[in-house]
All heavy atoms as atom14 arrays in JSON, in Angstrom:
{
  "sequence": "LLNHWGKGRFHGYSAGSFPKGAVHPLALELLHHAAL",
  "atom14_mask": [
    [1, 1, 1, 1, 1, 1, 1, 1, 0, 0, 0, 0, 0, 0],
    [1, 1, 1, 1, 1, 1, 1, 1, 0, 0, 0, 0, 0, 0],
    [1, 1, 1, 1, 1, 1, 1, 1, 0, 0, 0, 0, 0, 0],
    [1, 1, 1, 1, 1, 1, 1, 1, 1, 1, 0, 0, 0, 0],
    [1, 1, 1, 1, 1, 1, 1, 1, 1, 1, 1, 1, 1, 1],
    [1, 1, 1, 1, 0, 0, 0, 0, 0, 0, 0, 0, 0, 0],
    [1, 1, 1, 1, 1, 1, 1, 1, 1, 0, 0, 0, 0, 0],
    [1, 1, 1, 1, 0, 0, 0, 0, 0, 0, 0, 0, 0, 0],
    [1, 1, 1, 1, 1, 1, 1, 1, 1, 1, 1, 0, 0, 0],
    [1, 1, 1, 1, 1, 1, 1, 1, 1, 1, 1, 0, 0, 0],
    [1, 1, 1, 1, 1, 1, 1, 1, 1, 1, 0, 0, 0, 0],
    [1, 1, 1, 1, 0, 0, 0, 0, 0, 0, 0, 0, 0, 0],
    [1, 1, 1, 1, 1, 1, 1, 1, 1, 1, 1, 1, 0, 0],
    [1, 1, 1, 1, 1, 1, 0, 0, 0, 0, 0, 0, 0, 0],
    [1, 1, 1, 1, 1, 0, 0, 0, 0, 0, 0, 0, 0, 0],
    [1, 1, 1, 1, 0, 0, 0, 0, 0, 0, 0, 0, 0, 0],
    [1, 1, 1, 1, 1, 1, 0, 0, 0, 0, 0, 0, 0, 0],
    [1, 1, 1, 1, 1, 1, 1, 1, 1, 1, 1, 0, 0, 0],
    [1, 1, 1, 1, 1, 1, 1, 0, 0, 0, 0, 0, 0, 0],
    [1, 1, 1, 1, 1, 1, 1, 1, 1, 0, 0, 0, 0, 0],
    [1, 1, 1, 1, 0, 0, 0, 0, 0, 0, 0, 0, 0, 0],
    [1, 1, 1, 1, 1, 0, 0, 0, 0, 0, 0, 0, 0, 0],
    [1, 1, 1, 1, 1, 1, 1, 0, 0, 0, 0, 0, 0, 0],
    [1, 1, 1, 1, 1, 1, 1, 1, 1, 1, 0, 0, 0, 0],
    [1, 1, 1, 1, 1, 1, 1, 0, 0, 0, 0, 0, 0, 0],
    [1, 1, 1, 1, 1, 1, 1, 1, 0, 0, 0, 0, 0, 0],
    [1, 1, 1, 1, 1, 0, 0, 0, 0, 0, 0, 0, 0, 0],
    [1, 1, 1, 1, 1, 1, 1, 1, 0, 0, 0, 0, 0, 0],
    [1, 1, 1, 1, 1, 1, 1, 1, 1, 0, 0, 0, 0, 0],
    [1, 1, 1, 1, 1, 1, 1, 1, 0, 0, 0, 0, 0, 0],
    [1, 1, 1, 1, 1, 1, 1, 1, 0, 0, 0, 0, 0, 0],
    [1, 1, 1, 1, 1, 1, 1, 1, 1, 1, 0, 0, 0, 0],
    [1, 1, 1, 1, 1, 1, 1, 1, 1, 1, 0, 0, 0, 0],
    [1, 1, 1, 1, 1, 0, 0, 0, 0, 0, 0, 0, 0, 0],
    [1, 1, 1, 1, 1, 0, 0, 0, 0, 0, 0, 0, 0, 0],
    [1, 1, 1, 1, 1, 1, 1, 1, 0, 0, 0, 0, 0, 0]
  ],
  "atom14_positions": [
    [[64.84, 30.85, 156.69], [63.48, 30.76, 157.22], [63.22, 31.78, 158.32], [62.17, 32.43, 158.34], [63.19, 29.35, 157.73], [62.94, 28.31, 156.65], [63.1, 26.9, 157.18], [61.54, 28.52, 156.05], [0.0, 0.0, 0.0], [0.0, 0.0, 0.0], [0.0, 0.0, 0.0], [0.0, 0.0, 0.0], [0.0, 0.0, 0.0], [0.0, 0.0, 0.0]],
    [[64.18, 31.95, 159.23], [63.97, 32.94, 160.29], [63.92, 34.35, 159.72], [63.1, 35.17, 160.15], [65.05, 32.85, 161.37], [64.82, 33.82, 162.53], [63.53, 33.52, 163.28], [66.0, 33.81, 163.48], [0.0, 0.0, 0.0], [0.0, 0.0, 0.0], [0.0, 0.0, 0.0], [0.0, 0.0, 0.0], [0.0, 0.0, 0.0], [0.0, 0.0, 0.0]],
    [[64.76, 34.63, 158.75], [64.71, 35.96, 158.15], [63.38, 36.2, 157.44], [62.9, 37.33, 157.39], [65.9, 36.17, 157.21], [67.18, 36.35, 158.0], [67.18, 36.84, 159.12], [68.29, 35.93, 157.42], [0.0, 0.0, 0.0], [0.0, 0.0, 0.0], [0.0, 0.0, 0.0], [0.0, 0.0, 0.0], [0.0, 0.0, 0.0], [0.0, 0.0, 0.0]],
    [[62.77, 35.15, 156.94], [61.45, 35.27, 156.3], [60.35, 35.43, 157.36], [59.6, 36.4, 157.34], [61.17, 34.05, 155.43], [59.77, 33.98, 154.93], [59.29, 34.83, 153.95], [58.73, 33.18, 155.28], [58.02, 34.55, 153.73], [57.66, 33.56, 154.52], [0.0, 0.0, 0.0], [0.0, 0.0, 0.0], [0.0, 0.0, 0.0], [0.0, 0.0, 0.0]],
    [[60.25, 34.47, 158.27], [59.16, 34.47, 159.26], [59.35, 35.53, 160.35], [58.38, 35.97, 160.96], [59.0, 33.09, 159.9], [58.48, 32.07, 158.96], [59.13, 30.96, 158.52], [57.2, 32.06, 158.31], [58.35, 30.26, 157.64], [57.15, 30.92, 157.49], [56.1, 32.91, 158.35], [56.04, 30.6, 156.72], [55.0, 32.6, 157.58], [54.98, 31.46, 156.78]],
    [[60.59, 35.95, 160.58], [60.85, 36.95, 161.61], [60.35, 38.33, 161.23], [60.18, 39.18, 162.09], [0.0, 0.0, 0.0], [0.0, 0.0, 0.0], [0.0, 0.0, 0.0], [0.0, 0.0, 0.0], [0.0, 0.0, 0.0], [0.0, 0.0, 0.0], [0.0, 0.0, 0.0], [0.0, 0.0, 0.0], [0.0, 0.0, 0.0], [0.0, 0.0, 0.0]],
    [[60.12, 38.56, 159.94], [59.54, 39.82, 159.45], [60.19, 41.05, 160.08], [59.51, 41.99, 160.48], [58.03, 39.83, 159.67], [57.29, 38.74, 158.93], [55.81, 38.84, 159.18], [54.93, 37.84, 158.54], [55.33, 36.81, 157.74], [0.0, 0.0, 0.0], [0.0, 0.0, 0.0], [0.0, 0.0, 0.0], [0.0, 0.0, 0.0], [0.0, 0.0, 0.0]],
    [[61.52, 41.02, 160.19], [62.23, 42.17, 160.74], [62.36, 42.18, 162.25], [63.17, 42.92, 162.8], [0.0, 0.0, 0.0], [0.0, 0.0, 0.0], [0.0, 0.0, 0.0], [0.0, 0.0, 0.0], [0.0, 0.0, 0.0], [0.0, 0.0, 0.0], [0.0, 0.0, 0.0], [0.0, 0.0, 0.0], [0.0, 0.0, 0.0], [0.0, 0.0, 0.0]],
    [[61.56, 41.38, 162.95], [61.68, 41.3, 164.42], [62.89, 40.47, 164.83], [63.42, 40.65, 165.91], [60.42, 40.67, 165.04], [59.18, 41.5, 164.91], [57.99, 40.84, 165.59], [58.09, 39.39, 165.58], [57.68, 38.59, 166.56], [57.13, 39.09, 167.63], [57.8, 37.29, 166.46], [0.0, 0.0, 0.0], [0.0, 0.0, 0.0], [0.0, 0.0, 0.0]],
    [[63.27, 39.53, 163.98], [64.41, 38.65, 164.25], [65.32, 38.67, 163.03], [64.86, 38.8, 161.91], [63.94, 37.2, 164.47], [63.01, 37.04, 165.63], [61.64, 36.95, 165.41], [63.48, 36.99, 166.92], [60.76, 36.8, 166.46], [62.61, 36.85, 167.99], [61.24, 36.75, 167.76], [0.0, 0.0, 0.0], [0.0, 0.0, 0.0], [0.0, 0.0, 0.0]],
    [[66.61, 38.49, 163.3], [67.55, 38.34, 162.2], [68.3, 37.04, 162.41], [68.85, 36.81, 163.48], [68.53, 39.52, 162.14], [69.33, 39.49, 160.88], [68.87, 40.02, 159.69], [70.52, 38.95, 160.6], [69.76, 39.82, 158.75], [70.78, 39.17, 159.28], [0.0, 0.0, 0.0], [0.0, 0.0, 0.0], [0.0, 0.0, 0.0], [0.0, 0.0, 0.0]],
    [[68.27, 36.19, 161.39], [68.92, 34.9, 161.46], [70.32, 34.93, 160.86], [70.58, 35.64, 159.88], [0.0, 0.0, 0.0], [0.0, 0.0, 0.0], [0.0, 0.0, 0.0], [0.0, 0.0, 0.0], [0.0, 0.0, 0.0], [0.0, 0.0, 0.0], [0.0, 0.0, 0.0], [0.0, 0.0, 0.0], [0.0, 0.0, 0.0], [0.0, 0.0, 0.0]],
    [[71.19, 34.14, 161.47], [72.54, 33.92, 160.99], [72.79, 32.42, 161.06], [72.1, 31.71, 161.8], [73.58, 34.63, 161.87], [73.45, 36.12, 161.91], [72.69, 36.75, 162.89], [74.13, 36.91, 160.99], [72.58, 38.13, 162.94], [74.03, 38.3, 161.03], [73.26, 38.9, 162.01], [73.16, 40.27, 162.06], [0.0, 0.0, 0.0], [0.0, 0.0, 0.0]],
    [[73.8, 31.95, 160.36], [74.18, 30.54, 160.47], [75.69, 30.43, 160.38], [76.36, 31.3, 159.82], [73.53, 29.71, 159.37], [74.05, 30.05, 158.1], [0.0, 0.0, 0.0], [0.0, 0.0, 0.0], [0.0, 0.0, 0.0], [0.0, 0.0, 0.0], [0.0, 0.0, 0.0], [0.0, 0.0, 0.0], [0.0, 0.0, 0.0], [0.0, 0.0, 0.0]],
    [[76.2, 29.34, 160.96], [77.64, 29.1, 160.92], [77.89, 27.63, 161.24], [76.99, 26.91, 161.68], [78.35, 30.0, 161.93], [0.0, 0.0, 0.0], [0.0, 0.0, 0.0], [0.0, 0.0, 0.0], [0.0, 0.0, 0.0], [0.0, 0.0, 0.0], [0.0, 0.0, 0.0], [0.0, 0.0, 0.0], [0.0, 0.0, 0.0], [0.0, 0.0, 0.0]],
    [[79.13, 27.22, 161.04], [79.5, 25.84, 161.31], [80.83, 25.73, 162.02], [81.67, 26.62, 161.93], [0.0, 0.0, 0.0], [0.0, 0.0, 0.0], [0.0, 0.0, 0.0], [0.0, 0.0, 0.0], [0.0, 0.0, 0.0], [0.0, 0.0, 0.0], [0.0, 0.0, 0.0], [0.0, 0.0, 0.0], [0.0, 0.0, 0.0], [0.0, 0.0, 0.0]],
    [[81.01, 24.62, 162.72], [82.28, 24.37, 163.39], [83.36, 23.99, 162.38], [84.53, 24.33, 162.57], [82.12, 23.27, 164.44], [81.55, 22.1, 163.87], [0.0, 0.0, 0.0], [0.0, 0.0, 0.0], [0.0, 0.0, 0.0], [0.0, 0.0, 0.0], [0.0, 0.0, 0.0], [0.0, 0.0, 0.0], [0.0, 0.0, 0.0], [0.0, 0.0, 0.0]],
    [[82.98, 23.29, 161.32], [83.88, 22.92, 160.23], [83.15, 23.18, 158.92], [82.69, 22.25, 158.26], [84.3, 21.45, 160.34], [85.07, 21.15, 161.59], [84.44, 20.65, 162.72], [86.44, 21.39, 161.63], [85.15, 20.39, 163.87], [87.16, 21.13, 162.8], [86.51, 20.63, 163.92], [0.0, 0.0, 0.0], [0.0, 0.0, 0.0], [0.0, 0.0, 0.0]],
    [[83.02, 24.47, 158.55], [82.2, 24.8, 157.37], [82.71, 24.15, 156.09], [83.92, 24.04, 155.88], [82.29, 26.32, 157.3], [83.49, 26.69, 158.09], [83.68, 25.62, 159.12], [0.0, 0.0, 0.0], [0.0, 0.0, 0.0], [0.0, 0.0, 0.0], [0.0, 0.0, 0.0], [0.0, 0.0, 0.0], [0.0, 0.0, 0.0], [0.0, 0.0, 0.0]],
    [[81.77, 23.73, 155.26], [82.09, 23.1, 153.98], [82.66, 24.11, 152.98], [83.33, 23.73, 152.04], [80.84, 22.47, 153.37], [80.21, 21.4, 154.2], [80.85, 20.08, 153.94], [80.06, 19.01, 154.68], [80.74, 17.76, 154.72], [0.0, 0.0, 0.0], [0.0, 0.0, 0.0], [0.0, 0.0, 0.0], [0.0, 0.0, 0.0], [0.0, 0.0, 0.0]],
    [[82.33, 25.38, 153.16], [82.83, 26.4, 152.25], [81.86, 26.74, 151.13], [82.08, 27.69, 150.39], [0.0, 0.0, 0.0], [0.0, 0.0, 0.0], [0.0, 0.0, 0.0], [0.0, 0.0, 0.0], [0.0, 0.0, 0.0], [0.0, 0.0, 0.0], [0.0, 0.0, 0.0], [0.0, 0.0, 0.0], [0.0, 0.0, 0.0], [0.0, 0.0, 0.0]],
    [[80.79, 25.97, 151.02], [79.78, 26.23, 149.99], [78.43, 25.75, 150.49], [78.34, 24.78, 151.24], [80.14, 25.52, 148.69], [0.0, 0.0, 0.0], [0.0, 0.0, 0.0], [0.0, 0.0, 0.0], [0.0, 0.0, 0.0], [0.0, 0.0, 0.0], [0.0, 0.0, 0.0], [0.0, 0.0, 0.0], [0.0, 0.0, 0.0], [0.0, 0.0, 0.0]],
    [[77.38, 26.43, 150.07], [76.02, 26.01, 150.4], [75.66, 24.84, 149.48], [75.95, 24.85, 148.29], [75.04, 27.18, 150.22], [73.61, 26.73, 150.51], [75.44, 28.35, 151.12], [0.0, 0.0, 0.0], [0.0, 0.0, 0.0], [0.0, 0.0, 0.0], [0.0, 0.0, 0.0], [0.0, 0.0, 0.0], [0.0, 0.0, 0.0], [0.0, 0.0, 0.0]],
    [[75.04, 23.83, 150.06], [74.64, 22.65, 149.28], [73.66, 23.08, 148.18], [72.7, 23.8, 148.44], [73.99, 21.61, 150.19], [73.9, 20.26, 149.59], [73.03, 19.96, 148.57], [74.58, 19.13, 149.85], [73.16, 18.69, 148.25], [74.11, 18.15, 149.0], [0.0, 0.0, 0.0], [0.0, 0.0, 0.0], [0.0, 0.0, 0.0], [0.0, 0.0, 0.0]],
    [[73.88, 22.63, 146.95], [73.0, 23.02, 145.84], [71.53, 22.66, 146.06], [70.65, 23.42, 145.64], [73.56, 22.26, 144.63], [74.92, 21.83, 145.01], [74.99, 21.8, 146.5], [0.0, 0.0, 0.0], [0.0, 0.0, 0.0], [0.0, 0.0, 0.0], [0.0, 0.0, 0.0], [0.0, 0.0, 0.0], [0.0, 0.0, 0.0], [0.0, 0.0, 0.0]],
    [[71.25, 21.54, 146.73], [69.85, 21.17, 146.97], [69.2, 22.09, 148.01], [67.99, 22.33, 147.95], [69.72, 19.71, 147.38], [70.02, 18.7, 146.27], [69.92, 17.27, 146.79], [69.08, 18.9, 145.08], [0.0, 0.0, 0.0], [0.0, 0.0, 0.0], [0.0, 0.0, 0.0], [0.0, 0.0, 0.0], [0.0, 0.0, 0.0], [0.0, 0.0, 0.0]],
    [[69.98, 22.63, 148.94], [69.43, 23.61, 149.88], [69.04, 24.88, 149.13], [67.95, 25.43, 149.33], [70.44, 23.93, 150.98], [0.0, 0.0, 0.0], [0.0, 0.0, 0.0], [0.0, 0.0, 0.0], [0.0, 0.0, 0.0], [0.0, 0.0, 0.0], [0.0, 0.0, 0.0], [0.0, 0.0, 0.0], [0.0, 0.0, 0.0], [0.0, 0.0, 0.0]],
    [[69.92, 25.33, 148.24], [69.62, 26.52, 147.44], [68.41, 26.28, 146.53], [67.55, 27.15, 146.39], [70.84, 26.93, 146.6], [72.0, 27.49, 147.4], [73.21, 27.71, 146.49], [71.61, 28.78, 148.1], [0.0, 0.0, 0.0], [0.0, 0.0, 0.0], [0.0, 0.0, 0.0], [0.0, 0.0, 0.0], [0.0, 0.0, 0.0], [0.0, 0.0, 0.0]],
    [[68.36, 25.1, 145.92], [67.22, 24.76, 145.05], [65.91, 24.82, 145.82], [64.91, 25.38, 145.35], [67.44, 23.36, 144.48], [66.31, 22.85, 143.61], [66.58, 21.42, 143.14], [67.56, 21.21, 142.38], [65.8, 20.53, 143.53], [0.0, 0.0, 0.0], [0.0, 0.0, 0.0], [0.0, 0.0, 0.0], [0.0, 0.0, 0.0], [0.0, 0.0, 0.0]],
    [[65.9, 24.26, 147.02], [64.69, 24.24, 147.85], [64.3, 25.66, 148.27], [63.12, 26.02, 148.24], [64.91, 23.36, 149.06], [63.72, 23.11, 149.97], [62.56, 22.49, 149.19], [64.11, 22.21, 151.12], [0.0, 0.0, 0.0], [0.0, 0.0, 0.0], [0.0, 0.0, 0.0], [0.0, 0.0, 0.0], [0.0, 0.0, 0.0], [0.0, 0.0, 0.0]],
    [[65.27, 26.46, 148.66], [64.98, 27.84, 149.06], [64.41, 28.64, 147.88], [63.48, 29.42, 148.04], [66.22, 28.51, 149.64], [66.69, 27.95, 150.98], [68.06, 28.5, 151.35], [65.67, 28.23, 152.07], [0.0, 0.0, 0.0], [0.0, 0.0, 0.0], [0.0, 0.0, 0.0], [0.0, 0.0, 0.0], [0.0, 0.0, 0.0], [0.0, 0.0, 0.0]],
    [[64.99, 28.44, 146.69], [64.46, 29.11, 145.49], [63.03, 28.66, 145.23], [62.16, 29.5, 144.94], [65.32, 28.8, 144.26], [66.59, 29.56, 144.2], [66.65, 30.93, 144.07], [67.88, 29.14, 144.25], [67.91, 31.33, 144.05], [68.68, 30.25, 144.16], [0.0, 0.0, 0.0], [0.0, 0.0, 0.0], [0.0, 0.0, 0.0], [0.0, 0.0, 0.0]],
    [[62.78, 27.36, 145.34], [61.44, 26.82, 145.11], [60.42, 27.4, 146.11], [59.26, 27.63, 145.76], [61.47, 25.29, 145.21], [60.15, 24.64, 144.95], [59.58, 24.59, 143.7], [59.28, 24.04, 145.8], [58.41, 23.98, 143.78], [58.2, 23.64, 145.04], [0.0, 0.0, 0.0], [0.0, 0.0, 0.0], [0.0, 0.0, 0.0], [0.0, 0.0, 0.0]],
    [[60.88, 27.67, 147.34], [60.01, 28.25, 148.37], [59.93, 29.78, 148.26], [59.3, 30.43, 149.09], [60.51, 27.86, 149.75], [0.0, 0.0, 0.0], [0.0, 0.0, 0.0], [0.0, 0.0, 0.0], [0.0, 0.0, 0.0], [0.0, 0.0, 0.0], [0.0, 0.0, 0.0], [0.0, 0.0, 0.0], [0.0, 0.0, 0.0], [0.0, 0.0, 0.0]],
    [[60.59, 30.34, 147.24], [60.62, 31.79, 147.0], [61.25, 32.56, 148.16], [60.84, 33.68, 148.47], [59.22, 32.31, 146.69], [0.0, 0.0, 0.0], [0.0, 0.0, 0.0], [0.0, 0.0, 0.0], [0.0, 0.0, 0.0], [0.0, 0.0, 0.0], [0.0, 0.0, 0.0], [0.0, 0.0, 0.0], [0.0, 0.0, 0.0], [0.0, 0.0, 0.0]],
    [[62.26, 31.97, 148.79], [63.0, 32.63, 149.86], [64.3, 33.19, 149.3], [64.97, 32.52, 148.52], [63.28, 31.67, 151.01], [62.05, 31.14, 151.74], [62.46, 30.11, 152.79], [61.28, 32.28, 152.39], [0.0, 0.0, 0.0], [0.0, 0.0, 0.0], [0.0, 0.0, 0.0], [0.0, 0.0, 0.0], [0.0, 0.0, 0.0], [0.0, 0.0, 0.0]]
  ]
}
């Protein structure tokens, strides 16, 4: 979302303290649905 709304002014990153190792499929589905 930040990479979308930031329009080049901001760059978003994400990380975790104990990463799962994979992006949740429903998160990817929602992002695809939002055309991100």
